[in-house]
Amino acid sequence: MSHSERFDREVSLPVVQGSLTRFEATKQVSKPVKTCEEPDIVPVFLETLRSAVSKVKNHLQQQYEQVYPDLGDIIRYVVDEEEASAWNLSPLSPHLILPELVEAHRALLGLQPFSNSSDHILKPPVFTEIQERPAQAVG
């Protein structure tokens, strides 16, 4: 059997419903592939992210100004600078690192850590330890 006879034989095989012929399988797709079914998701995500960063920034400014009332301008400057750094370091989650960056900048300025009753406001909550129960016999 020659090569052309074998090729003709392969092409003449019946096509099972739902399968592609050799021509169909190698044919180039004429339409561009759609990568996102809902194009509004990206703008909504970005707006939500901007809102989250703004809330964290405002919260930080208020809390630091309560602790250091005479340093309002410096606090706003530090928070603005660290917001820019947070966007550069973590474009998808700047709101998560912004508090740590501001805290590190506070330390560089030589300001004392919080020691008053509002100390708990800026720090993440401490989880209470789960009390272990005594082992019980099974069976």
Protein backbone atom coordinates (compact mmCIF):
# COMPACT_ATOMS: atom_id res chain seq x y z
CA MET A 1 0.00 0.00 0.00
CA SER A 2 1.48 3.32 -1.03
CA HIS A 3 1.56 6.38 1.17
CA SER A 4 -1.17 8.14 -0.87
CA GLU A 5 -3.44 5.07 -0.69
CA ARG A 6 -3.02 4.90 3.08
CA PHE A 7 -3.76 8.65 3.35
CA ASP A 8 -6.90 8.28 1.24
CA ARG A 9 -7.97 5.40 3.43
CA GLU A 10 -7.50 7.45 6.61
CA VAL A 11 -9.53 10.36 5.23
CA SER A 12 -12.38 8.08 4.18
CA LEU A 13 -12.98 6.83 7.73
CA PRO A 14 -16.45 7.65 8.98
CA VAL A 15 -16.74 10.62 11.32
CA VAL A 16 -18.31 9.86 14.65
CA GLN A 17 -20.91 12.43 15.67
CA GLY A 18 -19.29 15.14 17.77
CA SER A 19 -15.72 14.41 16.64
CA LEU A 20 -13.65 16.57 14.32
CA THR A 21 -12.30 15.64 10.93
CA ARG A 22 -8.62 16.17 10.24
CA PHE A 23 -9.49 19.33 8.31
CA GLU A 24 -11.66 20.71 11.09
CA ALA A 25 -9.08 19.91 13.77
CA THR A 26 -6.28 21.74 11.94
CA LYS A 27 -8.38 24.66 10.71
CA GLN A 28 -7.41 27.97 12.33
CA VAL A 29 -9.96 29.70 14.49
CA SER A 30 -11.16 32.87 12.80
CA LYS A 31 -12.56 34.59 15.93
CA PRO A 32 -10.33 35.85 18.75
CA VAL A 33 -10.61 33.86 21.93
CA LYS A 34 -12.66 35.62 24.59
CA THR A 35 -10.65 35.74 27.82
CA CYS A 36 -13.16 37.33 30.16
CA GLU A 37 -16.85 36.61 30.08
CA GLU A 38 -17.71 39.66 32.18
CA PRO A 39 -15.63 42.72 31.25
CA ASP A 40 -17.09 44.71 34.18
CA ILE A 41 -15.29 42.56 36.77
CA VAL A 42 -11.94 44.38 36.48
CA PRO A 43 -13.31 47.92 37.02
CA VAL A 44 -15.42 46.69 39.95
CA PHE A 45 -12.38 45.00 41.50
CA LEU A 46 -10.25 48.12 41.09
CA GLU A 47 -12.95 50.34 42.61
CA THR A 48 -13.36 47.95 45.54
CA LEU A 49 -9.59 47.87 46.02
CA ARG A 50 -9.33 51.67 45.95
CA SER A 51 -12.15 51.89 48.47
CA ALA A 52 -10.44 49.39 50.80
CA VAL A 53 -7.16 51.32 50.62
CA SER A 54 -8.95 54.59 51.29
CA LYS A 55 -10.72 53.15 54.35
CA VAL A 56 -7.48 51.76 55.77
CA LYS A 57 -5.67 55.03 55.08
CA ASN A 58 -8.38 57.12 56.78
CA HIS A 59 -8.46 54.75 59.74
CA LEU A 60 -4.68 54.93 60.14
CA GLN A 61 -4.66 58.72 59.94
CA GLN A 62 -7.42 59.05 62.54
CA GLN A 63 -5.82 56.60 64.94
CA TYR A 64 -2.31 58.03 64.67
CA GLU A 65 -3.64 61.58 65.04
CA GLN A 66 -5.43 60.54 68.24
CA VAL A 67 -2.17 59.22 69.67
CA TYR A 68 0.01 62.03 68.25
CA PRO A 69 -2.35 65.05 68.02
CA ASP A 70 0.43 67.58 67.33
CA LEU A 71 1.79 65.65 64.33
CA GLY A 72 -1.22 65.72 61.98
CA ASP A 73 0.68 67.04 58.94
CA ILE A 74 3.52 64.58 59.41
CA ILE A 75 1.10 61.69 59.86
CA ARG A 76 -0.77 62.57 56.66
CA TYR A 77 2.55 62.84 54.79
CA VAL A 78 3.77 59.47 56.12
CA VAL A 79 0.48 57.72 55.33
CA ASP A 80 0.45 59.19 51.78
CA GLU A 81 4.06 58.13 51.17
CA GLU A 82 3.47 54.64 52.47
CA GLU A 83 0.28 54.30 50.44
CA ALA A 84 2.33 54.91 47.28
CA SER A 85 4.85 52.31 48.47
CA ALA A 86 2.06 49.83 49.21
CA TRP A 87 0.66 50.17 45.66
CA ASN A 88 4.16 49.60 44.23
CA LEU A 89 4.98 46.62 46.45
CA SER A 90 1.63 44.87 46.28
CA PRO A 91 -0.66 46.17 43.51
CA LEU A 92 -3.33 43.55 44.21
CA SER A 93 -3.45 44.00 47.99
CA PRO A 94 -1.92 47.31 49.11
CA HIS A 95 -4.49 47.63 51.90
CA LEU A 96 -2.98 44.58 53.60
CA ILE A 97 0.56 45.95 53.86
CA LEU A 98 -0.20 49.65 54.36
CA PRO A 99 -0.55 49.43 58.17
CA GLU A 100 2.82 47.66 58.50
CA LEU A 101 4.56 50.19 56.26
CA VAL A 102 3.16 53.09 58.28
CA GLU A 103 4.21 51.38 61.52
CA ALA A 104 7.74 50.84 60.17
CA HIS A 105 7.92 54.51 59.14
CA ARG A 106 6.75 55.51 62.64
CA ALA A 107 9.64 53.52 64.08
CA LEU A 108 12.11 55.22 61.69
CA LEU A 109 10.89 58.61 62.92
CA GLY A 110 11.69 57.54 66.46
CA LEU A 111 8.12 57.86 67.69
CA GLN A 112 7.29 55.68 70.66
CA PRO A 113 5.06 52.66 70.11
CA PHE A 114 1.52 53.03 71.37
CA SER A 115 1.28 52.49 75.09
CA ASN A 116 -2.13 53.93 75.92
CA SER A 117 -5.59 52.37 75.87
CA SER A 118 -5.95 52.86 72.11
CA ASP A 119 -3.01 50.50 71.56
CA HIS A 120 -5.35 47.69 70.59
CA ILE A 121 -6.96 49.70 67.79
CA LEU A 122 -4.08 49.49 65.31
CA LYS A 123 -2.87 46.03 66.14
CA PRO A 124 -4.55 42.89 64.84
CA PRO A 125 -6.83 41.24 67.36
CA VAL A 126 -5.25 38.58 69.53
CA PHE A 127 -7.11 35.31 69.45
CA THR A 128 -7.81 33.82 72.81
CA GLU A 129 -6.24 30.46 73.32
CA ILE A 130 -8.50 27.51 72.85
CA GLN A 131 -8.63 25.61 76.06
CA GLU A 132 -7.75 22.00 75.52
CA ARG A 133 -10.26 19.56 76.84
CA PRO A 134 -9.01 16.46 78.63
CA ALA A 135 -8.84 13.42 76.43
CA GLN A 136 -11.90 11.24 76.70
CA ALA A 137 -12.01 7.52 76.22
CA VAL A 138 -13.80 6.43 73.07
CA GLY A 139 -15.85 3.36 72.98
